Amino acid sequence: MQNSTNQPLEIEVDITVDRHSIEEKWTINLAEEGIEVQKKAPTHPIAKLSLTRETLDNLRVGGLDLDTAIATEQIYISDSKIDLNDLKQYLPQIVNQINY
């Protein structure tokens, strides 16, 4: 059971930025203080998003629950405002599964 202390969990996903129809590689880091979404290659103005509990309210996985979104490696961000509300409900379950 080797789990490094205080090391953020990384999930690599493909995020589709709806208004640009661009698929890009991002990394989601699940840390104690919040979620950090970082792009692998800085080709888009939004190169890094820091998501805390406050910004989690503005999050929604487009049409999918987070389980499905991560499983299919598809997370949708619509417009420049991040709109992923379901993430708030599913995040604790995901973290628990990863930390199992």
N, C-alpha and C. Protein backbone atom coordinates (compact mmCIF):
# COMPACT_ATOMS: atom_id res chain seq x y z
N MET A 1 0.84 -1.19 0.00
CA MET A 1 0.00 0.00 0.00
C MET A 1 0.88 1.25 0.00
N GLN A 2 1.44 1.57 -1.11
CA GLN A 2 2.34 2.72 -1.22
C GLN A 2 1.60 3.94 -1.74
N ASN A 3 1.23 4.83 -0.81
CA ASN A 3 0.56 6.06 -1.20
C ASN A 3 1.33 7.23 -0.63
N SER A 4 2.02 7.98 -1.48
CA SER A 4 2.85 9.08 -1.04
C SER A 4 1.99 10.12 -0.32
N THR A 5 2.48 10.60 0.80
CA THR A 5 1.70 11.54 1.58
C THR A 5 1.65 12.90 0.91
N ASN A 6 0.45 13.48 0.94
CA ASN A 6 0.22 14.82 0.38
C ASN A 6 0.56 14.94 -1.10
N GLN A 7 0.54 13.84 -1.82
CA GLN A 7 0.78 13.92 -3.26
C GLN A 7 -0.56 13.95 -3.98
N PRO A 8 -0.77 14.97 -4.85
CA PRO A 8 -2.06 15.08 -5.53
C PRO A 8 -2.30 13.92 -6.49
N LEU A 9 -3.58 13.55 -6.62
CA LEU A 9 -3.96 12.49 -7.54
C LEU A 9 -4.12 13.09 -8.92
N GLU A 10 -3.56 12.44 -9.92
CA GLU A 10 -3.64 12.98 -11.28
C GLU A 10 -4.52 12.11 -12.15
N ILE A 11 -5.45 12.76 -12.84
CA ILE A 11 -6.29 12.08 -13.82
C ILE A 11 -6.12 12.81 -15.13
N GLU A 12 -5.68 12.11 -16.16
CA GLU A 12 -5.52 12.76 -17.45
C GLU A 12 -6.79 12.60 -18.26
N VAL A 13 -7.32 13.69 -18.76
CA VAL A 13 -8.57 13.64 -19.49
C VAL A 13 -8.48 14.46 -20.77
N ASP A 14 -9.39 14.19 -21.68
CA ASP A 14 -9.55 15.04 -22.85
C ASP A 14 -10.69 16.00 -22.57
N ILE A 15 -10.41 17.27 -22.65
CA ILE A 15 -11.44 18.27 -22.41
C ILE A 15 -11.80 18.93 -23.73
N THR A 16 -13.08 19.00 -24.01
CA THR A 16 -13.53 19.69 -25.21
C THR A 16 -14.00 21.08 -24.84
N VAL A 17 -13.35 22.07 -25.38
CA VAL A 17 -13.79 23.44 -25.18
C VAL A 17 -14.82 23.73 -26.26
N ASP A 18 -16.09 23.75 -25.83
CA ASP A 18 -17.21 23.78 -26.77
C ASP A 18 -17.15 24.93 -27.78
N ARG A 19 -16.86 26.13 -27.28
CA ARG A 19 -16.96 27.27 -28.21
C ARG A 19 -15.84 27.26 -29.24
N HIS A 20 -14.78 26.51 -28.99
CA HIS A 20 -13.70 26.42 -29.96
C HIS A 20 -13.64 25.06 -30.65
N SER A 21 -14.41 24.12 -30.12
CA SER A 21 -14.40 22.74 -30.61
C SER A 21 -12.99 22.18 -30.69
N ILE A 22 -12.26 22.38 -29.62
CA ILE A 22 -10.87 21.92 -29.56
C ILE A 22 -10.79 20.81 -28.51
N GLU A 23 -10.18 19.70 -28.86
CA GLU A 23 -9.94 18.66 -27.86
C GLU A 23 -8.49 18.75 -27.43
N GLU A 24 -8.30 18.82 -26.13
CA GLU A 24 -6.94 18.98 -25.62
C GLU A 24 -6.72 18.06 -24.43
N LYS A 25 -5.45 17.80 -24.15
CA LYS A 25 -5.10 16.99 -22.99
C LYS A 25 -4.94 17.89 -21.77
N TRP A 26 -5.67 17.54 -20.72
CA TRP A 26 -5.54 18.26 -19.46
C TRP A 26 -5.25 17.25 -18.36
N THR A 27 -4.75 17.75 -17.27
CA THR A 27 -4.55 16.91 -16.10
C THR A 27 -5.38 17.47 -14.95
N ILE A 28 -6.10 16.60 -14.28
CA ILE A 28 -6.85 17.02 -13.10
C ILE A 28 -6.10 16.51 -11.87
N ASN A 29 -5.70 17.43 -11.02
CA ASN A 29 -5.05 17.05 -9.78
C ASN A 29 -6.05 17.19 -8.64
N LEU A 30 -6.33 16.09 -7.96
CA LEU A 30 -7.24 16.13 -6.83
C LEU A 30 -6.41 16.27 -5.57
N ALA A 31 -6.40 17.47 -5.02
CA ALA A 31 -5.62 17.72 -3.81
C ALA A 31 -6.58 18.03 -2.66
N GLU A 32 -6.05 18.03 -1.46
CA GLU A 32 -6.89 18.26 -0.29
C GLU A 32 -7.54 19.64 -0.35
N GLU A 33 -6.80 20.63 -0.80
CA GLU A 33 -7.30 22.00 -0.77
C GLU A 33 -8.22 22.30 -1.95
N GLY A 34 -8.26 21.47 -2.95
CA GLY A 34 -9.13 21.72 -4.08
C GLY A 34 -8.73 20.89 -5.28
N ILE A 35 -9.16 21.32 -6.44
CA ILE A 35 -8.86 20.60 -7.68
C ILE A 35 -8.07 21.54 -8.57
N GLU A 36 -7.06 21.02 -9.20
CA GLU A 36 -6.30 21.82 -10.14
C GLU A 36 -6.41 21.17 -11.50
N VAL A 37 -6.87 21.96 -12.47
CA VAL A 37 -6.97 21.45 -13.83
C VAL A 37 -5.90 22.14 -14.65
N GLN A 38 -5.01 21.37 -15.21
CA GLN A 38 -3.89 21.96 -15.93
C GLN A 38 -3.78 21.34 -17.31
N LYS A 39 -3.53 22.19 -18.30
CA LYS A 39 -3.39 21.69 -19.65
C LYS A 39 -1.99 21.13 -19.87
N LYS A 40 -1.90 20.07 -20.65
CA LYS A 40 -0.61 19.46 -20.93
C LYS A 40 0.25 20.37 -21.81
N ALA A 41 -0.34 20.91 -22.86
CA ALA A 41 0.38 21.81 -23.75
C ALA A 41 -0.30 23.18 -23.72
N PRO A 42 0.43 24.22 -23.41
CA PRO A 42 -0.17 25.56 -23.28
C PRO A 42 -0.49 26.20 -24.63
N THR A 43 -1.51 25.68 -25.32
CA THR A 43 -1.85 26.23 -26.63
C THR A 43 -3.11 27.08 -26.57
N HIS A 44 -3.75 27.07 -25.41
CA HIS A 44 -5.00 27.79 -25.24
C HIS A 44 -4.81 28.83 -24.15
N PRO A 45 -5.50 29.99 -24.24
CA PRO A 45 -5.34 31.03 -23.22
C PRO A 45 -5.58 30.51 -21.81
N ILE A 46 -6.58 29.62 -21.66
CA ILE A 46 -6.83 29.04 -20.35
C ILE A 46 -5.87 27.88 -20.16
N ALA A 47 -4.68 28.17 -19.67
CA ALA A 47 -3.66 27.13 -19.55
C ALA A 47 -3.76 26.40 -18.22
N LYS A 48 -4.33 27.08 -17.23
CA LYS A 48 -4.42 26.44 -15.92
C LYS A 48 -5.64 26.96 -15.18
N LEU A 49 -6.38 26.06 -14.57
CA LEU A 49 -7.55 26.43 -13.81
C LEU A 49 -7.39 25.87 -12.40
N SER A 50 -7.48 26.71 -11.42
CA SER A 50 -7.45 26.23 -10.05
C SER A 50 -8.87 26.17 -9.53
N LEU A 51 -9.32 24.99 -9.17
CA LEU A 51 -10.69 24.80 -8.74
C LEU A 51 -10.73 24.50 -7.25
N THR A 52 -11.31 25.42 -6.50
CA THR A 52 -11.49 25.19 -5.07
C THR A 52 -12.94 24.83 -4.81
N ARG A 53 -13.30 24.65 -3.56
CA ARG A 53 -14.69 24.34 -3.23
C ARG A 53 -15.62 25.41 -3.78
N GLU A 54 -15.16 26.64 -3.76
CA GLU A 54 -15.96 27.76 -4.25
C GLU A 54 -16.25 27.61 -5.73
N THR A 55 -15.22 27.30 -6.53
CA THR A 55 -15.41 27.19 -7.97
C THR A 55 -16.04 25.86 -8.36
N LEU A 56 -16.05 24.89 -7.45
CA LEU A 56 -16.70 23.62 -7.75
C LEU A 56 -18.18 23.83 -8.03
N ASP A 57 -18.75 24.89 -7.43
CA ASP A 57 -20.16 25.18 -7.66
C ASP A 57 -20.43 25.53 -9.12
N ASN A 58 -19.41 26.02 -9.82
CA ASN A 58 -19.57 26.41 -11.21
C ASN A 58 -19.19 25.31 -12.19
N LEU A 59 -18.98 24.12 -11.66
CA LEU A 59 -18.54 23.01 -12.49
C LEU A 59 -19.68 22.08 -12.85
N ARG A 60 -19.65 21.59 -14.07
CA ARG A 60 -20.62 20.56 -14.47
C ARG A 60 -20.01 19.71 -15.59
N VAL A 61 -20.16 18.41 -15.47
CA VAL A 61 -19.73 17.52 -16.53
C VAL A 61 -20.87 17.44 -17.54
N GLY A 62 -20.59 17.86 -18.77
CA GLY A 62 -21.64 18.01 -19.77
C GLY A 62 -22.34 16.73 -20.12
N GLY A 63 -23.55 16.56 -19.58
CA GLY A 63 -24.38 15.42 -19.94
C GLY A 63 -23.95 14.10 -19.34
N LEU A 64 -22.83 14.06 -18.65
CA LEU A 64 -22.33 12.81 -18.08
C LEU A 64 -22.07 12.99 -16.59
N ASP A 65 -22.20 11.91 -15.83
CA ASP A 65 -21.72 11.99 -14.46
C ASP A 65 -20.20 11.86 -14.51
N LEU A 66 -19.55 12.24 -13.44
CA LEU A 66 -18.08 12.30 -13.45
C LEU A 66 -17.47 10.93 -13.69
N ASP A 67 -18.11 9.87 -13.13
CA ASP A 67 -17.62 8.51 -13.36
C ASP A 67 -17.49 8.22 -14.84
N THR A 68 -18.57 8.50 -15.57
CA THR A 68 -18.59 8.25 -17.01
C THR A 68 -17.62 9.16 -17.73
N ALA A 69 -17.58 10.42 -17.30
CA ALA A 69 -16.70 11.39 -17.94
C ALA A 69 -15.25 10.96 -17.84
N ILE A 70 -14.86 10.50 -16.66
CA ILE A 70 -13.48 10.07 -16.48
C ILE A 70 -13.23 8.75 -17.21
N ALA A 71 -14.21 7.85 -17.14
CA ALA A 71 -14.06 6.55 -17.78
C ALA A 71 -13.88 6.70 -19.29
N THR A 72 -14.61 7.62 -19.88
CA THR A 72 -14.52 7.81 -21.32
C THR A 72 -13.49 8.89 -21.67
N GLU A 73 -12.82 9.40 -20.61
CA GLU A 73 -11.82 10.46 -20.79
C GLU A 73 -12.40 11.65 -21.53
N GLN A 74 -13.64 11.97 -21.24
CA GLN A 74 -14.28 13.12 -21.84
C GLN A 74 -14.85 14.01 -20.75
N ILE A 75 -14.36 15.23 -20.66
CA ILE A 75 -14.96 16.21 -19.78
C ILE A 75 -15.19 17.45 -20.62
N TYR A 76 -16.39 17.98 -20.55
CA TYR A 76 -16.73 19.11 -21.40
C TYR A 76 -16.74 20.40 -20.61
N ILE A 77 -16.08 21.40 -21.15
CA ILE A 77 -16.16 22.73 -20.57
C ILE A 77 -16.85 23.60 -21.60
N SER A 78 -18.03 24.11 -21.23
CA SER A 78 -18.77 24.93 -22.17
C SER A 78 -18.52 26.40 -21.90
N ASP A 79 -18.19 27.12 -22.96
CA ASP A 79 -17.90 28.55 -22.90
C ASP A 79 -16.68 28.80 -22.02
N SER A 80 -16.38 30.08 -21.79
CA SER A 80 -15.21 30.40 -20.99
C SER A 80 -15.51 30.19 -19.51
N LYS A 81 -16.79 30.28 -19.15
CA LYS A 81 -17.18 29.99 -17.78
C LYS A 81 -17.29 28.49 -17.60
N ILE A 82 -16.60 27.97 -16.63
CA ILE A 82 -16.63 26.54 -16.38
C ILE A 82 -17.98 26.21 -15.76
N ASP A 83 -18.64 25.23 -16.33
CA ASP A 83 -19.97 24.89 -15.87
C ASP A 83 -20.07 23.39 -15.61
N LEU A 84 -19.59 22.94 -14.46
CA LEU A 84 -19.58 21.50 -14.16
C LEU A 84 -20.24 21.20 -12.80
N ASN A 85 -21.53 21.28 -12.65
CA ASN A 85 -22.18 21.14 -11.34
C ASN A 85 -22.14 19.73 -10.77
N ASP A 86 -22.23 18.73 -11.63
CA ASP A 86 -22.28 17.35 -11.16
C ASP A 86 -21.00 16.92 -10.46
N LEU A 87 -19.90 17.56 -10.83
CA LEU A 87 -18.60 17.19 -10.28
C LEU A 87 -18.63 17.25 -8.76
N LYS A 88 -19.35 18.21 -8.22
CA LYS A 88 -19.42 18.37 -6.78
C LYS A 88 -19.96 17.13 -6.09
N GLN A 89 -20.99 16.51 -6.69
CA GLN A 89 -21.58 15.32 -6.10
C GLN A 89 -20.66 14.11 -6.22
N TYR A 90 -20.03 13.96 -7.38
CA TYR A 90 -19.31 12.72 -7.67
C TYR A 90 -17.86 12.73 -7.20
N LEU A 91 -17.32 13.93 -6.97
CA LEU A 91 -15.90 14.02 -6.61
C LEU A 91 -15.52 13.19 -5.39
N PRO A 92 -16.28 13.27 -4.28
CA PRO A 92 -15.90 12.46 -3.11
C PRO A 92 -15.86 10.97 -3.42
N GLN A 93 -16.81 10.47 -4.23
CA GLN A 93 -16.82 9.06 -4.59
C GLN A 93 -15.59 8.70 -5.41
N ILE A 94 -15.26 9.57 -6.36
CA ILE A 94 -14.09 9.33 -7.21
C ILE A 94 -12.83 9.27 -6.36
N VAL A 95 -12.66 10.23 -5.48
CA VAL A 95 -11.48 10.27 -4.62
C VAL A 95 -11.41 9.02 -3.77
N ASN A 96 -12.55 8.59 -3.24
CA ASN A 96 -12.58 7.39 -2.43
C ASN A 96 -12.19 6.15 -3.23
N GLN A 97 -12.66 6.07 -4.48
CA GLN A 97 -12.32 4.93 -5.32
C GLN A 97 -10.82 4.92 -5.64
N ILE A 98 -10.28 6.11 -5.92
CA ILE A 98 -8.86 6.19 -6.26
C ILE A 98 -8.00 5.86 -5.05
N ASN A 99 -8.44 6.29 -3.87
CA ASN A 99 -7.67 6.07 -2.65
C ASN A 99 -7.89 4.69 -2.02
N TYR A 100 -8.74 3.88 -2.68
CA TYR A 100 -9.13 2.59 -2.11
C TYR A 100 -7.93 1.75 -1.74
